[in-house]
Amino acid sequence: MDDLVADASEAGHQITVRLIRDWTQAGLLDQPRKRPAGRGQGSSQELYPANQRMLLLTLLSKRPGNGISSLARIPVGVWMYWGDEWVPLRQARRAFLTWIGDPRVSLRRARETARRILGQLDSPTATP
């Protein structure tokens, strides 16, 4: 996580390890990759792939004025357009749940969110 904090600092953003953990739980970021140290030596420091590091910088640039549920649309959109190589499905699922929130809270909000999502995926040439 220190690598992400350093990347953010170089880009002019001040963040904490706690923010990275919170965003990971919400699906805005994926878990870091474990690196084995080899032959029973345990593991080396976990690192985030370059795609996740770029995603963090994108999220930080869009952060002012946007809540976490609004930011969660970014990893979902990246996954839809560029696939698992950029945002793994496990992360996209968590981000999607963060984005839509708990649908039991408001059926009206759930329907409105579903319409917006379908509107982004719908094609004018599609049949009913």
C-alpha atoms as a PDB file:
ATOM      1  CA  MET A   1       0.000   0.000   0.000  1.00  0.00           C
ATOM      2  CA  ASP A   2       2.961   2.255   0.514  1.00  0.00           C
ATOM      3  CA  ASP A   3       3.510   2.208  -3.251  1.00  0.00           C
ATOM      4  CA  LEU A   4       0.045   3.688  -3.816  1.00  0.00           C
ATOM      5  CA  VAL A   5       0.529   6.348  -1.148  1.00  0.00           C
ATOM      6  CA  ALA A   6       3.826   7.304  -2.824  1.00  0.00           C
ATOM      7  CA  ASP A   7       2.209   7.421  -6.291  1.00  0.00           C
ATOM      8  CA  ALA A   8      -0.568   9.649  -4.980  1.00  0.00           C
ATOM      9  CA  SER A   9       1.910  11.925  -3.226  1.00  0.00           C
ATOM     10  CA  GLU A  10       3.930  12.334  -6.435  1.00  0.00           C
ATOM     11  CA  ALA A  11       0.718  13.335  -8.215  1.00  0.00           C
ATOM     12  CA  GLY A  12      -0.079  15.934  -5.536  1.00  0.00           C
ATOM     13  CA  HIS A  13      -2.677  13.990  -3.528  1.00  0.00           C
ATOM     14  CA  GLN A  14      -2.412  13.287   0.170  1.00  0.00           C
ATOM     15  CA  ILE A  15      -3.955   9.920   1.069  1.00  0.00           C
ATOM     16  CA  THR A  16      -3.632   7.388   3.849  1.00  0.00           C
ATOM     17  CA  VAL A  17      -3.380   3.623   3.993  1.00  0.00           C
ATOM     18  CA  ARG A  18      -6.858   3.695   5.571  1.00  0.00           C
ATOM     19  CA  LEU A  19      -8.316   5.288   2.422  1.00  0.00           C
ATOM     20  CA  ILE A  20      -6.771   2.547   0.294  1.00  0.00           C
ATOM     21  CA  ARG A  21      -8.261  -0.131   2.571  1.00  0.00           C
ATOM     22  CA  ASP A  22     -11.687   1.511   2.484  1.00  0.00           C
ATOM     23  CA  TRP A  23     -11.606   1.866  -1.296  1.00  0.00           C
ATOM     24  CA  THR A  24     -10.482  -1.743  -1.631  1.00  0.00           C
ATOM     25  CA  GLN A  25     -13.428  -2.937   0.460  1.00  0.00           C
ATOM     26  CA  ALA A  26     -15.774  -0.829  -1.675  1.00  0.00           C
ATOM     27  CA  GLY A  27     -14.314  -2.200  -4.925  1.00  0.00           C
ATOM     28  CA  LEU A  28     -12.770   1.037  -6.100  1.00  0.00           C
ATOM     29  CA  LEU A  29      -9.395  -0.739  -5.946  1.00  0.00           C
ATOM     30  CA  ASP A  30      -8.485  -4.429  -6.133  1.00  0.00           C
ATOM     31  CA  GLN A  31      -6.404  -6.375  -3.631  1.00  0.00           C
ATOM     32  CA  PRO A  32      -2.633  -6.106  -4.137  1.00  0.00           C
ATOM     33  CA  ARG A  33      -0.828  -9.042  -5.706  1.00  0.00           C
ATOM     34  CA  LYS A  34       1.125 -11.281  -3.370  1.00  0.00           C
ATOM     35  CA  ARG A  35       4.688 -12.052  -4.370  1.00  0.00           C
ATOM     36  CA  PRO A  36       6.301 -15.207  -3.034  1.00  0.00           C
ATOM     37  CA  ALA A  37       9.827 -14.758  -1.705  1.00  0.00           C
ATOM     38  CA  GLY A  38      10.635 -18.341  -2.670  1.00  0.00           C
ATOM     39  CA  ARG A  39      11.539 -21.623  -1.037  1.00  0.00           C
ATOM     40  CA  GLY A  40       9.763 -21.298   2.281  1.00  0.00           C
ATOM     41  CA  GLN A  41      10.793 -17.675   2.786  1.00  0.00           C
ATOM     42  CA  GLY A  42       7.203 -16.419   3.023  1.00  0.00           C
ATOM     43  CA  SER A  43       6.265 -13.586   0.760  1.00  0.00           C
ATOM     44  CA  SER A  44       7.620 -10.230  -0.300  1.00  0.00           C
ATOM     45  CA  GLN A  45       5.731  -6.964  -0.014  1.00  0.00           C
ATOM     46  CA  GLU A  46       2.422  -6.998  -1.885  1.00  0.00           C
ATOM     47  CA  LEU A  47       2.284  -4.709  -4.907  1.00  0.00           C
ATOM     48  CA  TYR A  48      -0.510  -3.211  -6.934  1.00  0.00           C
ATOM     49  CA  PRO A  49      -0.434  -3.717 -10.705  1.00  0.00           C
ATOM     50  CA  ALA A  50       0.164  -0.657 -12.890  1.00  0.00           C
ATOM     51  CA  ASN A  51      -3.488  -0.652 -14.012  1.00  0.00           C
ATOM     52  CA  GLN A  52      -4.683  -0.344 -10.417  1.00  0.00           C
ATOM     53  CA  ARG A  53      -2.173   2.412  -9.749  1.00  0.00           C
ATOM     54  CA  MET A  54      -3.490   4.384 -12.745  1.00  0.00           C
ATOM     55  CA  LEU A  55      -7.048   3.714 -11.572  1.00  0.00           C
ATOM     56  CA  LEU A  56      -6.176   5.195  -8.169  1.00  0.00           C
ATOM     57  CA  LEU A  57      -4.888   8.387  -9.775  1.00  0.00           C
ATOM     58  CA  THR A  58      -8.038   8.625 -11.897  1.00  0.00           C
ATOM     59  CA  LEU A  59     -10.237   8.149  -8.827  1.00  0.00           C
ATOM     60  CA  LEU A  60      -8.294  10.798  -6.917  1.00  0.00           C
ATOM     61  CA  SER A  61      -8.656  13.294  -9.773  1.00  0.00           C
ATOM     62  CA  LYS A  62     -12.437  12.725  -9.843  1.00  0.00           C
ATOM     63  CA  ARG A  63     -12.787  12.667  -6.049  1.00  0.00           C
ATOM     64  CA  PRO A  64     -13.598  16.363  -5.404  1.00  0.00           C
ATOM     65  CA  GLY A  65     -17.356  16.748  -5.415  1.00  0.00           C
ATOM     66  CA  ASN A  66     -18.073  13.023  -5.810  1.00  0.00           C
ATOM     67  CA  GLY A  67     -19.053  10.535  -3.142  1.00  0.00           C
ATOM     68  CA  ILE A  68     -17.816   6.975  -2.946  1.00  0.00           C
ATOM     69  CA  SER A  69     -20.917   5.575  -4.695  1.00  0.00           C
ATOM     70  CA  SER A  70     -20.371   7.963  -7.580  1.00  0.00           C
ATOM     71  CA  LEU A  71     -16.674   7.061  -7.791  1.00  0.00           C
ATOM     72  CA  ALA A  72     -17.619   3.358  -7.872  1.00  0.00           C
ATOM     73  CA  ARG A  73     -18.944   3.882 -11.411  1.00  0.00           C
ATOM     74  CA  ILE A  74     -15.380   4.340 -12.659  1.00  0.00           C
ATOM     75  CA  PRO A  75     -14.060   0.799 -12.032  1.00  0.00           C
ATOM     76  CA  VAL A  76     -17.358  -0.638 -13.314  1.00  0.00           C
ATOM     77  CA  GLY A  77     -17.018   1.385 -16.515  1.00  0.00           C
ATOM     78  CA  VAL A  78     -13.366   0.417 -16.944  1.00  0.00           C
ATOM     79  CA  TRP A  79     -14.293  -3.251 -16.518  1.00  0.00           C
ATOM     80  CA  MET A  80     -17.126  -2.933 -19.074  1.00  0.00           C
ATOM     81  CA  TYR A  81     -14.939  -1.234 -21.692  1.00  0.00           C
ATOM     82  CA  TRP A  82     -11.516  -2.816 -21.167  1.00  0.00           C
ATOM     83  CA  GLY A  83     -12.278  -6.048 -19.306  1.00  0.00           C
ATOM     84  CA  ASP A  84     -10.661  -8.163 -16.621  1.00  0.00           C
ATOM     85  CA  GLU A  85      -7.137  -7.155 -17.541  1.00  0.00           C
ATOM     86  CA  TRP A  86      -7.788  -3.663 -16.173  1.00  0.00           C
ATOM     87  CA  VAL A  87     -10.381  -4.370 -13.468  1.00  0.00           C
ATOM     88  CA  PRO A  88     -10.970  -7.972 -12.398  1.00  0.00           C
ATOM     89  CA  LEU A  89     -14.540  -9.211 -12.141  1.00  0.00           C
ATOM     90  CA  ARG A  90     -14.292  -9.625  -8.336  1.00  0.00           C
ATOM     91  CA  GLN A  91     -13.485  -5.920  -8.055  1.00  0.00           C
ATOM     92  CA  ALA A  92     -16.160  -4.885 -10.552  1.00  0.00           C
ATOM     93  CA  ARG A  93     -18.790  -6.772  -8.521  1.00  0.00           C
ATOM     94  CA  ARG A  94     -17.822  -5.022  -5.286  1.00  0.00           C
ATOM     95  CA  ALA A  95     -17.749  -1.635  -7.039  1.00  0.00           C
ATOM     96  CA  PHE A  96     -21.144  -2.301  -8.632  1.00  0.00           C
ATOM     97  CA  LEU A  97     -22.664  -3.081  -5.225  1.00  0.00           C
ATOM     98  CA  THR A  98     -21.133   0.115  -3.836  1.00  0.00           C
ATOM     99  CA  TRP A  99     -22.522   2.075  -6.773  1.00  0.00           C
ATOM    100  CA  ILE A 100     -26.111   0.858  -6.537  1.00  0.00           C
ATOM    101  CA  GLY A 101     -26.158   0.625  -2.753  1.00  0.00           C
ATOM    102  CA  ASP A 102     -28.644  -1.596  -0.954  1.00  0.00           C
ATOM    103  CA  PRO A 103     -31.652  -1.965  -3.285  1.00  0.00           C
ATOM    104  CA  ARG A 104     -33.834  -2.923  -0.307  1.00  0.00           C
ATOM    105  CA  VAL A 105     -33.494   0.623   1.001  1.00  0.00           C
ATOM    106  CA  SER A 106     -35.472   2.114  -1.849  1.00  0.00           C
ATOM    107  CA  LEU A 107     -37.179   0.226  -4.637  1.00  0.00           C
ATOM    108  CA  ARG A 108     -37.582   3.494  -6.540  1.00  0.00           C
ATOM    109  CA  ARG A 109     -33.836   4.178  -6.337  1.00  0.00           C
ATOM    110  CA  ALA A 110     -33.048   0.627  -7.460  1.00  0.00           C
ATOM    111  CA  ARG A 111     -35.316   0.973 -10.511  1.00  0.00           C
ATOM    112  CA  GLU A 112     -33.859   4.361 -11.373  1.00  0.00           C
ATOM    113  CA  THR A 113     -30.313   2.996 -11.150  1.00  0.00           C
ATOM    114  CA  ALA A 114     -31.244  -0.021 -13.293  1.00  0.00           C
ATOM    115  CA  ARG A 115     -32.726   2.286 -15.956  1.00  0.00           C
ATOM    116  CA  ARG A 116     -29.558   4.401 -16.018  1.00  0.00           C
ATOM    117  CA  ILE A 117     -27.323   1.353 -16.345  1.00  0.00           C
ATOM    118  CA  LEU A 118     -29.462  -0.129 -19.109  1.00  0.00           C
ATOM    119  CA  GLY A 119     -29.526   3.241 -20.843  1.00  0.00           C
ATOM    120  CA  GLN A 120     -25.739   3.184 -21.008  1.00  0.00           C
ATOM    121  CA  LEU A 121     -25.735  -0.329 -22.459  1.00  0.00           C
ATOM    122  CA  ASP A 122     -28.736   0.029 -24.767  1.00  0.00           C
ATOM    123  CA  SER A 123     -28.272   0.356 -28.497  1.00  0.00           C
ATOM    124  CA  PRO A 124     -30.733   2.211 -30.734  1.00  0.00           C
ATOM    125  CA  THR A 125     -30.468  -0.667 -33.227  1.00  0.00           C
ATOM    126  CA  ALA A 126     -31.332  -3.338 -30.633  1.00  0.00           C
ATOM    127  CA  THR A 127     -34.640  -5.146 -30.887  1.00  0.00           C
ATOM    128  CA  PRO A 128     -37.035  -5.159 -27.928  1.00  0.00           C
END
